[in-house]
C-alpha atoms as a PDB file:
ATOM      1  CA  MET A   1      -0.705  77.348 -64.979  1.00  0.00           C
ATOM      2  CA  ARG A   2       1.764  75.156 -63.132  1.00  0.00           C
ATOM      3  CA  THR A   3       4.527  77.685 -63.728  1.00  0.00           C
ATOM      4  CA  THR A   4       2.297  80.342 -62.179  1.00  0.00           C
ATOM      5  CA  LEU A   5       1.753  78.136 -59.142  1.00  0.00           C
ATOM      6  CA  ALA A   6       5.470  77.406 -58.850  1.00  0.00           C
ATOM      7  CA  ALA A   7       6.250  81.123 -59.091  1.00  0.00           C
ATOM      8  CA  ALA A   8       3.699  81.885 -56.362  1.00  0.00           C
ATOM      9  CA  VAL A   9       5.231  79.253 -54.095  1.00  0.00           C
ATOM     10  CA  GLN A  10       8.734  80.643 -54.735  1.00  0.00           C
ATOM     11  CA  ARG A  11       7.569  84.190 -53.930  1.00  0.00           C
ATOM     12  CA  SER A  12       5.979  82.941 -50.719  1.00  0.00           C
ATOM     13  CA  GLU A  13       9.124  81.070 -49.685  1.00  0.00           C
ATOM     14  CA  ARG A  14      11.247  84.122 -50.476  1.00  0.00           C
ATOM     15  CA  GLY A  15       8.884  86.286 -48.417  1.00  0.00           C
ATOM     16  CA  GLU A  16       9.084  83.884 -45.485  1.00  0.00           C
ATOM     17  CA  ALA A  17      12.886  83.893 -45.666  1.00  0.00           C
ATOM     18  CA  GLU A  18      12.911  87.697 -45.744  1.00  0.00           C
ATOM     19  CA  SER A  19      10.535  87.796 -42.776  1.00  0.00           C
ATOM     20  CA  ALA A  20      12.769  85.409 -40.839  1.00  0.00           C
ATOM     21  CA  LEU A  21      15.796  87.575 -41.586  1.00  0.00           C
ATOM     22  CA  ALA A  22      13.914  90.695 -40.516  1.00  0.00           C
ATOM     23  CA  ARG A  23      12.904  88.979 -37.252  1.00  0.00           C
ATOM     24  CA  GLN A  24      16.546  88.074 -36.598  1.00  0.00           C
ATOM     25  CA  ARG A  25      17.674  91.643 -37.209  1.00  0.00           C
ATOM     26  CA  LEU A  26      14.980  93.050 -34.953  1.00  0.00           C
ATOM     27  CA  SER A  27      15.907  90.547 -32.258  1.00  0.00           C
ATOM     28  CA  ALA A  28      19.505  91.753 -32.396  1.00  0.00           C
ATOM     29  CA  LEU A  29      18.362  95.362 -32.163  1.00  0.00           C
ATOM     30  CA  ARG A  30      16.111  94.554 -29.213  1.00  0.00           C
ATOM     31  CA  VAL A  31      19.177  93.253 -27.360  1.00  0.00           C
ATOM     32  CA  ALA A  32      21.073  96.435 -28.224  1.00  0.00           C
ATOM     33  CA  TRP A  33      18.215  98.691 -27.068  1.00  0.00           C
ATOM     34  CA  PRO A  34      16.246  97.067 -24.258  1.00  0.00           C
ATOM     35  CA  SER A  35      12.760  98.384 -23.565  1.00  0.00           C
ATOM     36  CA  GLY A  36      12.741 101.711 -21.798  1.00  0.00           C
ATOM     37  CA  VAL A  37      16.047 102.980 -23.228  1.00  0.00           C
ATOM     38  CA  ASP A  38      15.284 106.132 -25.216  1.00  0.00           C
ATOM     39  CA  GLY A  39      11.953 104.575 -26.231  1.00  0.00           C
ATOM     40  CA  ARG A  40      13.718 102.695 -29.018  1.00  0.00           C
ATOM     41  CA  GLY A  41      13.354  99.313 -27.358  1.00  0.00           C
ATOM     42  CA  GLU A  42       9.598  99.716 -27.075  1.00  0.00           C
ATOM     43  CA  ALA A  43       9.324 100.721 -30.736  1.00  0.00           C
ATOM     44  CA  LEU A  44      11.423  97.707 -31.730  1.00  0.00           C
ATOM     45  CA  ASP A  45       9.212  95.474 -29.591  1.00  0.00           C
ATOM     46  CA  ARG A  46       6.149  96.743 -31.459  1.00  0.00           C
ATOM     47  CA  GLN A  47       7.810  96.196 -34.847  1.00  0.00           C
ATOM     48  CA  PHE A  48       8.897  92.705 -33.837  1.00  0.00           C
ATOM     49  CA  LEU A  49       5.397  91.761 -32.725  1.00  0.00           C
ATOM     50  CA  GLN A  50       3.820  93.172 -35.893  1.00  0.00           C
ATOM     51  CA  LEU A  51       6.267  91.317 -38.113  1.00  0.00           C
ATOM     52  CA  HIS A  52       5.889  88.077 -36.161  1.00  0.00           C
ATOM     53  CA  THR A  53       2.095  88.295 -36.248  1.00  0.00           C
ATOM     54  CA  ARG A  54       2.065  89.040 -39.962  1.00  0.00           C
ATOM     55  CA  SER A  55       4.423  86.202 -40.857  1.00  0.00           C
ATOM     56  CA  SER A  56       2.493  83.738 -38.678  1.00  0.00           C
ATOM     57  CA  THR A  57      -0.734  84.724 -40.391  1.00  0.00           C
ATOM     58  CA  GLU A  58       0.883  84.399 -43.824  1.00  0.00           C
ATOM     59  CA  SER A  59       2.247  80.953 -42.971  1.00  0.00           C
ATOM     60  CA  GLU A  60      -1.169  79.774 -41.835  1.00  0.00           C
ATOM     61  CA  ARG A  61      -2.837  81.177 -44.942  1.00  0.00           C
ATOM     62  CA  MET A  62      -0.334  79.792 -47.421  1.00  0.00           C
ATOM     63  CA  PRO A  63      -1.573  76.140 -47.538  1.00  0.00           C
ATOM     64  CA  GLU A  64      -5.054  77.410 -48.340  1.00  0.00           C
ATOM     65  CA  GLN A  65      -3.727  79.610 -51.139  1.00  0.00           C
ATOM     66  CA  VAL A  66      -1.727  76.729 -52.604  1.00  0.00           C
ATOM     67  CA  ALA A  67      -4.780  74.455 -52.481  1.00  0.00           C
ATOM     68  CA  VAL A  68      -6.917  77.050 -54.270  1.00  0.00           C
ATOM     69  CA  ALA A  69      -4.233  77.614 -56.910  1.00  0.00           C
ATOM     70  CA  GLN A  70      -3.924  73.864 -57.467  1.00  0.00           C
ATOM     71  CA  GLU A  71      -7.683  73.512 -57.862  1.00  0.00           C
ATOM     72  CA  ARG A  72      -7.718  76.322 -60.419  1.00  0.00           C
ATOM     73  CA  ALA A  73      -4.844  74.734 -62.357  1.00  0.00           C
ATOM     74  CA  THR A  74      -6.631  71.387 -62.404  1.00  0.00           C
ATOM     75  CA  ALA A  75      -9.876  72.985 -63.578  1.00  0.00           C
ATOM     76  CA  THR A  76      -8.037  74.880 -66.322  1.00  0.00           C
ATOM     77  CA  GLU A  77      -6.354  71.672 -67.501  1.00  0.00           C
ATOM     78  CA  ARG A  78      -9.723  69.885 -67.591  1.00  0.00           C
ATOM     79  CA  ARG A  79     -11.275  72.661 -69.671  1.00  0.00           C
ATOM     80  CA  ALA A  80      -8.315  72.573 -72.058  1.00  0.00           C
ATOM     81  CA  ARG A  81      -8.972  68.892 -72.794  1.00  0.00           C
END
């Protein structure tokens, strides 16, 4: 069960790193196409906000998910004894 928890934490960290990279790329694109230029800047602004909101929500939710997974692992270990 601990390996499952460790794998879940690694996937979460990898997802956060990918989200951070995506935010950096979108930030660079937003500089290249400011809002109002061909409508691309506005679309990039929307994507940036969606990605930022999603990653913030995931970061807030993660400690709860880890706590639940730890509780389940502990309960499984107790039953195994």
